[in-house]
Amino acid sequence: MKTLSTALALLALNLFSPAGYGQGTPTSAPPPTASGAAQTQIQKNLDAYLRHLYAWGPDVQLTVSVPKETPIPGLLETTVDLKIGENTENAKLYVSKDGKYLIRGEVSELAKDPVAENRALIDMKETPSLGDPKAPVTLVEFSDFECPVCRSLHDVLRGLLPNYPGVRVVFKDFPLEALHPWARTGALAGRCAYQQDPTAFWKMYDAIYDNQEIISAENAWTKMTDFAGQAGLNVDTFKACMARPEAAAAIDASRANGQKLEVNSTPTIFVNGRRLVGADPHLLEQYIQYELAQLKSSKSAEKK
């Protein structure tokens, strides 16, 4: 069965014809006003349309939020939440106020700097970091320790960072627990390593990714304890931290921060606020080089 992200990736600009989708659907579109009644009908129509398009039966829980106004006249924004078994996803959609058109993708205001907006939303307090806090380029990584592509990014960074001493790396937890059964245990281990010794986090980071293939839901706790000992941490303190709610709360806060930034897959990276999804080494290096070139250009202009 398609997940919501897969399904929404297939949506193009679609004519949203309310007629024919569900009982009681009117043959004419709702009035152009964003009244409560019109919004309710749009929600029903969207639910019926998406279920019809992707053959989602009653076992699929689909929730369409009340459409809200956007700065663009005639365009409403809504959030669609999908639950299939234990897996949940969400996405933002846009619909015309008359209920005729469904639009996928993002709506951007050209007068605003989306990169600056991303930077402003990223919370880097009490977060593992590597490199100079005043580095010209900050790479923020939202990752899941069980995610195979996150391991690929780990390997990419290991080869790339020595060539760029002006890059700082900040790690943010974003465990996808519905997909990865031991991801949260890994996140707890990283958080507890950081709380005991911030520099030990990166030893834990390397140990988990380097041994990802031999970690399972059954042995994750034992493996994390072993890695803690190898990193020089006090194992008893580490175990106590893993069981306390503070570490879990920090992980939840990191995930919530990612959701504000509309992170929905891992790894998602922000290079000085510029979003990159995945572990493409060429694109990552392009972003880094661009930021360094911008800095060099800015300094040259200041000297003139």
C-alpha atoms as a PDB file:
ATOM      1  CA  MET A   1       0.000   0.000   0.000  1.00  0.00           C
ATOM      2  CA  LYS A   2       1.296   3.449  -0.900  1.00  0.00           C
ATOM      3  CA  THR A   3       2.275   5.717   1.970  1.00  0.00           C
ATOM      4  CA  LEU A   4       1.041   9.285   1.921  1.00  0.00           C
ATOM      5  CA  SER A   5       4.426  10.704   0.905  1.00  0.00           C
ATOM      6  CA  THR A   6       4.554   8.338  -2.081  1.00  0.00           C
ATOM      7  CA  ALA A   7       0.997   9.126  -3.040  1.00  0.00           C
ATOM      8  CA  LEU A   8       1.417  12.872  -2.748  1.00  0.00           C
ATOM      9  CA  ALA A   9       4.584  12.719  -4.813  1.00  0.00           C
ATOM     10  CA  LEU A  10       2.418  11.412  -7.664  1.00  0.00           C
ATOM     11  CA  LEU A  11      -0.115  14.223  -7.454  1.00  0.00           C
ATOM     12  CA  ALA A  12       0.108  16.875 -10.136  1.00  0.00           C
ATOM     13  CA  LEU A  13      -2.103  19.932 -10.528  1.00  0.00           C
ATOM     14  CA  ASN A  14      -5.431  18.106 -10.486  1.00  0.00           C
ATOM     15  CA  LEU A  15      -8.885  19.255 -11.438  1.00  0.00           C
ATOM     16  CA  PHE A  16     -10.787  18.674  -8.245  1.00  0.00           C
ATOM     17  CA  SER A  17     -14.288  17.790  -9.340  1.00  0.00           C
ATOM     18  CA  PRO A  18     -16.432  17.229  -6.235  1.00  0.00           C
ATOM     19  CA  ALA A  19     -19.147  15.368  -8.105  1.00  0.00           C
ATOM     20  CA  GLY A  20     -18.957  11.589  -7.931  1.00  0.00           C
ATOM     21  CA  TYR A  21     -16.881  11.242  -4.763  1.00  0.00           C
ATOM     22  CA  GLY A  22     -18.952  10.017  -1.816  1.00  0.00           C
ATOM     23  CA  GLN A  23     -22.607  10.208  -0.942  1.00  0.00           C
ATOM     24  CA  GLY A  24     -24.157  13.605  -0.440  1.00  0.00           C
ATOM     25  CA  THR A  25     -21.439  15.422  -2.437  1.00  0.00           C
ATOM     26  CA  PRO A  26     -22.991  18.429  -4.195  1.00  0.00           C
ATOM     27  CA  THR A  27     -22.838  18.741  -7.984  1.00  0.00           C
ATOM     28  CA  SER A  28     -21.659  22.335  -7.689  1.00  0.00           C
ATOM     29  CA  ALA A  29     -18.600  23.672  -5.855  1.00  0.00           C
ATOM     30  CA  PRO A  30     -18.892  25.369  -2.457  1.00  0.00           C
ATOM     31  CA  PRO A  31     -19.303  29.140  -2.534  1.00  0.00           C
ATOM     32  CA  PRO A  32     -16.068  31.176  -2.726  1.00  0.00           C
ATOM     33  CA  THR A  33     -16.324  32.351   0.864  1.00  0.00           C
ATOM     34  CA  ALA A  34     -14.218  30.481   3.440  1.00  0.00           C
ATOM     35  CA  SER A  35     -17.245  29.827   5.632  1.00  0.00           C
ATOM     36  CA  GLY A  36     -17.352  26.942   8.096  1.00  0.00           C
ATOM     37  CA  ALA A  37     -19.834  25.037   5.934  1.00  0.00           C
ATOM     38  CA  ALA A  38     -17.706  25.460   2.806  1.00  0.00           C
ATOM     39  CA  GLN A  39     -14.574  24.377   4.672  1.00  0.00           C
ATOM     40  CA  THR A  40     -16.323  21.288   5.996  1.00  0.00           C
ATOM     41  CA  GLN A  41     -17.419  20.333   2.490  1.00  0.00           C
ATOM     42  CA  ILE A  42     -13.890  20.841   1.165  1.00  0.00           C
ATOM     43  CA  GLN A  43     -12.581  18.514   3.885  1.00  0.00           C
ATOM     44  CA  LYS A  44     -15.106  15.845   2.901  1.00  0.00           C
ATOM     45  CA  ASN A  45     -14.319  16.254  -0.777  1.00  0.00           C
ATOM     46  CA  LEU A  46     -10.574  16.005  -0.228  1.00  0.00           C
ATOM     47  CA  ASP A  47     -10.993  12.870   1.860  1.00  0.00           C
ATOM     48  CA  ALA A  48     -13.178  11.249  -0.800  1.00  0.00           C
ATOM     49  CA  TYR A  49     -10.905  12.346  -3.660  1.00  0.00           C
ATOM     50  CA  LEU A  50      -7.710  10.994  -2.114  1.00  0.00           C
ATOM     51  CA  ARG A  51      -9.342   7.710  -1.102  1.00  0.00           C
ATOM     52  CA  HIS A  52     -10.726   7.277  -4.625  1.00  0.00           C
ATOM     53  CA  LEU A  53      -7.411   8.165  -6.281  1.00  0.00           C
ATOM     54  CA  TYR A  54      -5.258   5.804  -4.197  1.00  0.00           C
ATOM     55  CA  ALA A  55      -7.810   3.083  -3.374  1.00  0.00           C
ATOM     56  CA  TRP A  56      -7.594   3.681   0.365  1.00  0.00           C
ATOM     57  CA  GLY A  57     -10.258   1.696   2.180  1.00  0.00           C
ATOM     58  CA  PRO A  58     -11.776   2.191   5.636  1.00  0.00           C
ATOM     59  CA  ASP A  59      -8.721   0.572   7.254  1.00  0.00           C
ATOM     60  CA  VAL A  60      -6.722   3.664   6.311  1.00  0.00           C
ATOM     61  CA  GLN A  61      -7.217   6.565   8.716  1.00  0.00           C
ATOM     62  CA  LEU A  62      -7.207   9.840   6.805  1.00  0.00           C
ATOM     63  CA  THR A  63      -7.678  13.178   8.582  1.00  0.00           C
ATOM     64  CA  VAL A  64      -7.989  16.449   6.696  1.00  0.00           C
ATOM     65  CA  SER A  65      -7.595  19.577   8.815  1.00  0.00           C
ATOM     66  CA  VAL A  66      -9.876  22.578   8.465  1.00  0.00           C
ATOM     67  CA  PRO A  67      -8.543  24.647   5.534  1.00  0.00           C
ATOM     68  CA  LYS A  68      -7.134  27.991   6.562  1.00  0.00           C
ATOM     69  CA  GLU A  69      -6.475  31.201   4.694  1.00  0.00           C
ATOM     70  CA  THR A  70      -3.093  31.859   3.060  1.00  0.00           C
ATOM     71  CA  PRO A  71      -1.600  35.200   1.974  1.00  0.00           C
ATOM     72  CA  ILE A  72      -2.622  34.277  -1.589  1.00  0.00           C
ATOM     73  CA  PRO A  73      -6.201  35.312  -2.389  1.00  0.00           C
ATOM     74  CA  GLY A  74      -8.396  32.344  -3.240  1.00  0.00           C
ATOM     75  CA  LEU A  75      -5.963  29.708  -1.919  1.00  0.00           C
ATOM     76  CA  LEU A  76      -6.461  27.678   1.253  1.00  0.00           C
ATOM     77  CA  GLU A  77      -3.954  25.496   3.111  1.00  0.00           C
ATOM     78  CA  THR A  78      -4.742  22.185   4.788  1.00  0.00           C
ATOM     79  CA  THR A  79      -2.823  19.350   6.428  1.00  0.00           C
ATOM     80  CA  VAL A  80      -3.524  15.718   5.629  1.00  0.00           C
ATOM     81  CA  ASP A  81      -2.632  13.086   8.252  1.00  0.00           C
ATOM     82  CA  LEU A  82      -2.478   9.451   7.176  1.00  0.00           C
ATOM     83  CA  LYS A  83      -2.220   6.361   9.369  1.00  0.00           C
ATOM     84  CA  ILE A  84      -1.687   2.895   7.908  1.00  0.00           C
ATOM     85  CA  GLY A  85      -1.272   0.363  10.712  1.00  0.00           C
ATOM     86  CA  GLU A  86       1.426   1.757  12.993  1.00  0.00           C
ATOM     87  CA  ASN A  87       2.850   4.075  10.329  1.00  0.00           C
ATOM     88  CA  THR A  88       1.823   7.717  10.300  1.00  0.00           C
ATOM     89  CA  GLU A  89       2.654  10.511   7.874  1.00  0.00           C
ATOM     90  CA  ASN A  90       1.446  14.002   7.169  1.00  0.00           C
ATOM     91  CA  ALA A  91       1.662  16.488   4.353  1.00  0.00           C
ATOM     92  CA  LYS A  92       0.600  20.024   3.556  1.00  0.00           C
ATOM     93  CA  LEU A  93      -1.740  20.566   0.608  1.00  0.00           C
ATOM     94  CA  TYR A  94      -3.317  23.595  -0.999  1.00  0.00           C
ATOM     95  CA  VAL A  95      -6.831  23.818  -2.379  1.00  0.00           C
ATOM     96  CA  SER A  96      -8.635  26.602  -4.173  1.00  0.00           C
ATOM     97  CA  LYS A  97     -11.291  28.331  -2.101  1.00  0.00           C
ATOM     98  CA  ASP A  98     -14.009  27.235  -4.526  1.00  0.00           C
ATOM     99  CA  GLY A  99     -13.014  23.601  -3.912  1.00  0.00           C
ATOM    100  CA  LYS A 100     -12.205  22.891  -7.576  1.00  0.00           C
ATOM    101  CA  TYR A 101      -8.422  22.549  -7.549  1.00  0.00           C
ATOM    102  CA  LEU A 102      -5.972  20.556  -5.443  1.00  0.00           C
ATOM    103  CA  ILE A 103      -2.361  21.699  -5.653  1.00  0.00           C
ATOM    104  CA  ARG A 104       0.699  19.810  -4.472  1.00  0.00           C
ATOM    105  CA  GLY A 105       4.115  21.267  -3.708  1.00  0.00           C
ATOM    106  CA  GLU A 106       5.083  24.407  -1.848  1.00  0.00           C
ATOM    107  CA  VAL A 107       3.852  27.953  -2.073  1.00  0.00           C
ATOM    108  CA  SER A 108       6.718  30.399  -1.609  1.00  0.00           C
ATOM    109  CA  GLU A 109       6.699  34.159  -1.229  1.00  0.00           C
ATOM    110  CA  LEU A 110       9.533  35.449  -3.403  1.00  0.00           C
ATOM    111  CA  ALA A 111      10.131  38.485  -1.187  1.00  0.00           C
ATOM    112  CA  LYS A 112      11.103  36.239   1.743  1.00  0.00           C
ATOM    113  CA  ASP A 113      14.363  34.343   2.205  1.00  0.00           C
ATOM    114  CA  PRO A 114      13.361  30.713   2.931  1.00  0.00           C
ATOM    115  CA  VAL A 115      16.925  29.846   3.930  1.00  0.00           C
ATOM    116  CA  ALA A 116      16.936  32.559   6.602  1.00  0.00           C
ATOM    117  CA  GLU A 117      13.522  31.388   7.816  1.00  0.00           C
ATOM    118  CA  ASN A 118      14.851  27.835   8.208  1.00  0.00           C
ATOM    119  CA  ARG A 119      17.877  29.073  10.166  1.00  0.00           C
ATOM    120  CA  ALA A 120      15.603  30.991  12.519  1.00  0.00           C
ATOM    121  CA  LEU A 121      13.547  27.862  13.250  1.00  0.00           C
ATOM    122  CA  ILE A 122      16.440  25.517  14.028  1.00  0.00           C
ATOM    123  CA  ASP A 123      16.995  25.103  17.766  1.00  0.00           C
ATOM    124  CA  MET A 124      20.678  24.402  18.424  1.00  0.00           C
ATOM    125  CA  LYS A 125      20.651  24.782  22.211  1.00  0.00           C
ATOM    126  CA  GLU A 126      21.881  21.761  24.201  1.00  0.00           C
ATOM    127  CA  THR A 127      22.619  19.888  20.973  1.00  0.00           C
ATOM    128  CA  PRO A 128      25.711  17.827  20.018  1.00  0.00           C
ATOM    129  CA  SER A 129      28.013  19.777  17.735  1.00  0.00           C
ATOM    130  CA  LEU A 130      31.396  19.284  16.144  1.00  0.00           C
ATOM    131  CA  GLY A 131      33.586  22.167  15.034  1.00  0.00           C
ATOM    132  CA  ASP A 132      33.962  25.876  15.708  1.00  0.00           C
ATOM    133  CA  PRO A 133      30.701  27.480  16.929  1.00  0.00           C
ATOM    134  CA  LYS A 134      31.686  30.518  14.830  1.00  0.00           C
ATOM    135  CA  ALA A 135      32.314  28.450  11.686  1.00  0.00           C
ATOM    136  CA  PRO A 136      31.052  30.133   8.484  1.00  0.00           C
ATOM    137  CA  VAL A 137      29.064  27.041   7.514  1.00  0.00           C
ATOM    138  CA  THR A 138      26.790  25.116   9.887  1.00  0.00           C
ATOM    139  CA  LEU A 139      25.444  21.748   8.785  1.00  0.00           C
ATOM    140  CA  VAL A 140      22.441  20.617  10.849  1.00  0.00           C
ATOM    141  CA  GLU A 141      21.659  16.917  10.474  1.00  0.00           C
ATOM    142  CA  PHE A 142      18.253  15.491  11.419  1.00  0.00           C
ATOM    143  CA  SER A 143      18.928  11.751  11.608  1.00  0.00           C
ATOM    144  CA  ASP A 144      17.782   8.338  12.761  1.00  0.00           C
ATOM    145  CA  PHE A 145      20.465   5.939  14.006  1.00  0.00           C
ATOM    146  CA  GLU A 146      18.749   2.917  12.403  1.00  0.00           C
ATOM    147  CA  CYS A 147      18.247   4.608   9.027  1.00  0.00           C
ATOM    148  CA  PRO A 148      20.508   3.092   6.301  1.00  0.00           C
ATOM    149  CA  VAL A 149      20.722   6.360   4.354  1.00  0.00           C
ATOM    150  CA  CYS A 150      21.739   8.154   7.561  1.00  0.00           C
ATOM    151  CA  ARG A 151      24.606   5.694   7.833  1.00  0.00           C
ATOM    152  CA  SER A 152      25.558   6.609   4.253  1.00  0.00           C
ATOM    153  CA  LEU A 153      25.555  10.275   5.262  1.00  0.00           C
ATOM    154  CA  HIS A 154      27.777   9.414   8.234  1.00  0.00           C
ATOM    155  CA  ASP A 155      30.264   7.839   5.825  1.00  0.00           C
ATOM    156  CA  VAL A 156      30.021  10.808   3.445  1.00  0.00           C
ATOM    157  CA  LEU A 157      30.729  13.273   6.249  1.00  0.00           C
ATOM    158  CA  ARG A 158      33.669  11.198   7.473  1.00  0.00           C
ATOM    159  CA  GLY A 159      35.315  11.610   4.073  1.00  0.00           C
ATOM    160  CA  LEU A 160      34.174  15.171   3.395  1.00  0.00           C
ATOM    161  CA  LEU A 161      34.691  17.122   6.616  1.00  0.00           C
ATOM    162  CA  PRO A 162      38.503  16.902   6.747  1.00  0.00           C
ATOM    163  CA  ASN A 163      38.511  18.939   3.519  1.00  0.00           C
ATOM    164  CA  TYR A 164      36.338  21.676   5.018  1.00  0.00           C
ATOM    165  CA  PRO A 165      37.600  22.859   8.427  1.00  0.00           C
ATOM    166  CA  GLY A 166      35.183  25.800   8.192  1.00  0.00           C
ATOM    167  CA  VAL A 167      32.157  23.523   8.588  1.00  0.00           C
ATOM    168  CA  ARG A 168      30.433  22.898  11.907  1.00  0.00           C
ATOM    169  CA  VAL A 169      28.138  19.862  12.281  1.00  0.00           C
ATOM    170  CA  VAL A 170      25.104  19.866  14.582  1.00  0.00           C
ATOM    171  CA  PHE A 171      23.209  16.632  15.236  1.00  0.00           C
ATOM    172  CA  LYS A 172      19.446  16.540  15.803  1.00  0.00           C
ATOM    173  CA  ASP A 173      17.524  13.385  16.716  1.00  0.00           C
ATOM    174  CA  PHE A 174      14.651  12.427  14.444  1.00  0.00           C
ATOM    175  CA  PRO A 175      13.947   8.722  15.107  1.00  0.00           C
ATOM    176  CA  LEU A 176      11.318   7.177  12.831  1.00  0.00           C
ATOM    177  CA  GLU A 177      10.018   4.721  15.399  1.00  0.00           C
ATOM    178  CA  ALA A 178       7.189   3.358  13.276  1.00  0.00           C
ATOM    179  CA  LEU A 179       9.756   2.119  10.752  1.00  0.00           C
ATOM    180  CA  HIS A 180      12.817   1.469  12.918  1.00  0.00           C
ATOM    181  CA  PRO A 181      12.256  -0.488  16.151  1.00  0.00           C
ATOM    182  CA  TRP A 182      15.554   0.372  17.858  1.00  0.00           C
ATOM    183  CA  ALA A 183      15.957   3.935  16.558  1.00  0.00           C
ATOM    184  CA  ARG A 184      14.768   5.487  19.821  1.00  0.00           C
ATOM    185  CA  THR A 185      17.160   3.335  21.871  1.00  0.00           C
ATOM    186  CA  GLY A 186      19.980   4.644  19.680  1.00  0.00           C
ATOM    187  CA  ALA A 187      18.765   8.197  20.157  1.00  0.00           C
ATOM    188  CA  LEU A 188      18.644   7.724  23.936  1.00  0.00           C
ATOM    189  CA  ALA A 189      22.202   6.368  23.874  1.00  0.00           C
ATOM    190  CA  GLY A 190      23.436   9.375  21.917  1.00  0.00           C
ATOM    191  CA  ARG A 191      21.639  11.802  24.206  1.00  0.00           C
ATOM    192  CA  CYS A 192      22.953  10.140  27.377  1.00  0.00           C
ATOM    193  CA  ALA A 193      26.498  10.081  26.007  1.00  0.00           C
ATOM    194  CA  TYR A 194      26.171  13.802  25.259  1.00  0.00           C
ATOM    195  CA  GLN A 195      24.810  14.601  28.714  1.00  0.00           C
ATOM    196  CA  GLN A 196      27.678  12.812  30.440  1.00  0.00           C
ATOM    197  CA  ASP A 197      30.429  14.059  28.106  1.00  0.00           C
ATOM    198  CA  PRO A 198      29.594  16.131  24.984  1.00  0.00           C
ATOM    199  CA  THR A 199      32.720  14.922  23.173  1.00  0.00           C
ATOM    200  CA  ALA A 200      31.741  11.282  23.816  1.00  0.00           C
ATOM    201  CA  PHE A 201      28.582  11.755  21.732  1.00  0.00           C
ATOM    202  CA  TRP A 202      30.636  11.596  18.547  1.00  0.00           C
ATOM    203  CA  LYS A 203      32.249   8.327  19.664  1.00  0.00           C
ATOM    204  CA  MET A 204      28.753   6.924  20.194  1.00  0.00           C
ATOM    205  CA  TYR A 205      27.656   8.370  16.833  1.00  0.00           C
ATOM    206  CA  ASP A 206      30.504   6.570  15.052  1.00  0.00           C
ATOM    207  CA  ALA A 207      30.028   3.332  16.996  1.00  0.00           C
ATOM    208  CA  ILE A 208      26.318   3.052  16.218  1.00  0.00           C
ATOM    209  CA  TYR A 209      26.648   3.777  12.520  1.00  0.00           C
ATOM    210  CA  ASP A 210      29.761   1.630  12.108  1.00  0.00           C
ATOM    211  CA  ASN A 211      27.946  -1.312  13.725  1.00  0.00           C
ATOM    212  CA  GLN A 212      24.432  -0.643  12.466  1.00  0.00           C
ATOM    213  CA  GLU A 213      24.109  -4.011  10.720  1.00  0.00           C
ATOM    214  CA  ILE A 214      24.668  -6.027  13.911  1.00  0.00           C
ATOM    215  CA  ILE A 215      22.255  -4.026  16.095  1.00  0.00           C
ATOM    216  CA  SER A 216      18.708  -5.283  16.519  1.00  0.00           C
ATOM    217  CA  ALA A 217      15.701  -4.417  18.642  1.00  0.00           C
ATOM    218  CA  GLU A 218      16.590  -7.380  20.864  1.00  0.00           C
ATOM    219  CA  ASN A 219      20.238  -6.463  21.509  1.00  0.00           C
ATOM    220  CA  ALA A 220      20.134  -2.657  21.128  1.00  0.00           C
ATOM    221  CA  TRP A 221      20.246  -1.883  24.865  1.00  0.00           C
ATOM    222  CA  THR A 222      23.230  -4.193  25.413  1.00  0.00           C
ATOM    223  CA  LYS A 223      25.056  -2.832  22.378  1.00  0.00           C
ATOM    224  CA  MET A 224      24.546   0.762  23.477  1.00  0.00           C
ATOM    225  CA  THR A 225      25.899  -0.065  26.924  1.00  0.00           C
ATOM    226  CA  ASP A 226      28.957  -1.693  25.323  1.00  0.00           C
ATOM    227  CA  PHE A 227      29.536   1.373  23.154  1.00  0.00           C
ATOM    228  CA  ALA A 228      29.241   3.615  26.211  1.00  0.00           C
ATOM    229  CA  GLY A 229      31.995   1.664  27.968  1.00  0.00           C
ATOM    230  CA  GLN A 230      34.193   1.826  24.866  1.00  0.00           C
ATOM    231  CA  ALA A 231      33.662   5.599  24.753  1.00  0.00           C
ATOM    232  CA  GLY A 232      35.004   5.916  28.289  1.00  0.00           C
ATOM    233  CA  LEU A 233      31.670   6.749  29.894  1.00  0.00           C
ATOM    234  CA  ASN A 234      30.543   5.691  33.356  1.00  0.00           C
ATOM    235  CA  VAL A 235      28.264   2.792  32.403  1.00  0.00           C
ATOM    236  CA  ASP A 236      26.088   2.937  35.522  1.00  0.00           C
ATOM    237  CA  THR A 237      25.431   6.645  35.010  1.00  0.00           C
ATOM    238  CA  PHE A 238      24.730   5.960  31.350  1.00  0.00           C
ATOM    239  CA  LYS A 239      22.176   3.230  32.139  1.00  0.00           C
ATOM    240  CA  ALA A 240      20.419   5.427  34.672  1.00  0.00           C
ATOM    241  CA  CYS A 241      20.195   8.231  32.127  1.00  0.00           C
ATOM    242  CA  MET A 242      18.728   5.881  29.509  1.00  0.00           C
ATOM    243  CA  ALA A 243      15.886   5.040  31.904  1.00  0.00           C
ATOM    244  CA  ARG A 244      15.094   8.595  32.988  1.00  0.00           C
ATOM    245  CA  PRO A 245      12.469  10.768  31.251  1.00  0.00           C
ATOM    246  CA  GLU A 246      14.819  13.717  30.663  1.00  0.00           C
ATOM    247  CA  ALA A 247      16.651  12.042  27.777  1.00  0.00           C
ATOM    248  CA  ALA A 248      13.376  10.991  26.167  1.00  0.00           C
ATOM    249  CA  ALA A 249      12.036  14.542  26.504  1.00  0.00           C
ATOM    250  CA  ALA A 250      15.113  15.936  24.749  1.00  0.00           C
ATOM    251  CA  ILE A 251      14.564  13.529  21.841  1.00  0.00           C
ATOM    252  CA  ASP A 252      10.896  14.491  21.629  1.00  0.00           C
ATOM    253  CA  ALA A 253      11.879  18.176  21.569  1.00  0.00           C
ATOM    254  CA  SER A 254      14.338  17.522  18.749  1.00  0.00           C
ATOM    255  CA  ARG A 255      11.660  15.723  16.736  1.00  0.00           C
ATOM    256  CA  ALA A 256       9.204  18.544  17.359  1.00  0.00           C
ATOM    257  CA  ASN A 257      11.780  21.029  16.094  1.00  0.00           C
ATOM    258  CA  GLY A 258      12.205  18.948  12.944  1.00  0.00           C
ATOM    259  CA  GLN A 259       8.456  18.883  12.402  1.00  0.00           C
ATOM    260  CA  LYS A 260       8.370  22.693  12.570  1.00  0.00           C
ATOM    261  CA  LEU A 261      10.881  22.615   9.727  1.00  0.00           C
ATOM    262  CA  GLU A 262       8.661  20.112   7.872  1.00  0.00           C
ATOM    263  CA  VAL A 263      11.218  17.319   8.171  1.00  0.00           C
ATOM    264  CA  ASN A 264       9.457  14.075   7.225  1.00  0.00           C
ATOM    265  CA  SER A 265      12.304  11.775   6.177  1.00  0.00           C
ATOM    266  CA  THR A 266      15.868  11.082   7.247  1.00  0.00           C
ATOM    267  CA  PRO A 267      18.449  12.258   6.810  1.00  0.00           C
ATOM    268  CA  THR A 268      17.385  15.845   6.247  1.00  0.00           C
ATOM    269  CA  ILE A 269      20.256  18.329   6.323  1.00  0.00           C
ATOM    270  CA  PHE A 270      20.279  22.108   6.529  1.00  0.00           C
ATOM    271  CA  VAL A 271      23.453  23.768   5.232  1.00  0.00           C
ATOM    272  CA  ASN A 272      23.245  27.318   6.622  1.00  0.00           C
ATOM    273  CA  GLY A 273      19.490  26.769   6.398  1.00  0.00           C
ATOM    274  CA  ARG A 274      19.456  25.346   2.861  1.00  0.00           C
ATOM    275  CA  ARG A 275      17.553  22.034   2.867  1.00  0.00           C
ATOM    276  CA  LEU A 276      18.968  18.805   1.470  1.00  0.00           C
ATOM    277  CA  VAL A 277      17.216  15.435   1.805  1.00  0.00           C
ATOM    278  CA  GLY A 278      19.331  12.302   1.511  1.00  0.00           C
ATOM    279  CA  ALA A 279      23.064  11.691   1.417  1.00  0.00           C
ATOM    280  CA  ASP A 280      24.146  12.933  -2.024  1.00  0.00           C
ATOM    281  CA  PRO A 281      27.846  13.815  -1.524  1.00  0.00           C
ATOM    282  CA  HIS A 282      28.032  15.971  -4.664  1.00  0.00           C
ATOM    283  CA  LEU A 283      25.031  18.106  -3.752  1.00  0.00           C
ATOM    284  CA  LEU A 284      26.209  18.429  -0.158  1.00  0.00           C
ATOM    285  CA  GLU A 285      29.633  19.610  -1.307  1.00  0.00           C
ATOM    286  CA  GLN A 286      27.987  22.003  -3.764  1.00  0.00           C
ATOM    287  CA  TYR A 287      26.007  23.595  -0.930  1.00  0.00           C
ATOM    288  CA  ILE A 288      29.108  23.924   1.252  1.00  0.00           C
ATOM    289  CA  GLN A 289      31.184  25.420  -1.544  1.00  0.00           C
ATOM    290  CA  TYR A 290      28.389  27.849  -2.395  1.00  0.00           C
ATOM    291  CA  GLU A 291      28.232  29.131   1.183  1.00  0.00           C
ATOM    292  CA  LEU A 292      32.009  29.496   1.390  1.00  0.00           C
ATOM    293  CA  ALA A 293      32.060  31.323  -1.947  1.00  0.00           C
ATOM    294  CA  GLN A 294      29.308  33.683  -0.738  1.00  0.00           C
ATOM    295  CA  LEU A 295      31.357  34.458   2.371  1.00  0.00           C
ATOM    296  CA  LYS A 296      34.483  35.121   0.302  1.00  0.00           C
ATOM    297  CA  SER A 297      32.533  37.384  -2.049  1.00  0.00           C
ATOM    298  CA  SER A 298      31.063  39.288   0.884  1.00  0.00           C
ATOM    299  CA  LYS A 299      34.489  39.861   2.448  1.00  0.00           C
ATOM    300  CA  SER A 300      35.897  41.056  -0.882  1.00  0.00           C
ATOM    301  CA  ALA A 301      33.051  43.537  -1.242  1.00  0.00           C
ATOM    302  CA  GLU A 302      33.666  44.887   2.275  1.00  0.00           C
ATOM    303  CA  LYS A 303      37.306  45.640   1.432  1.00  0.00           C
ATOM    304  CA  LYS A 304      36.381  47.773  -1.570  1.00  0.00           C
END
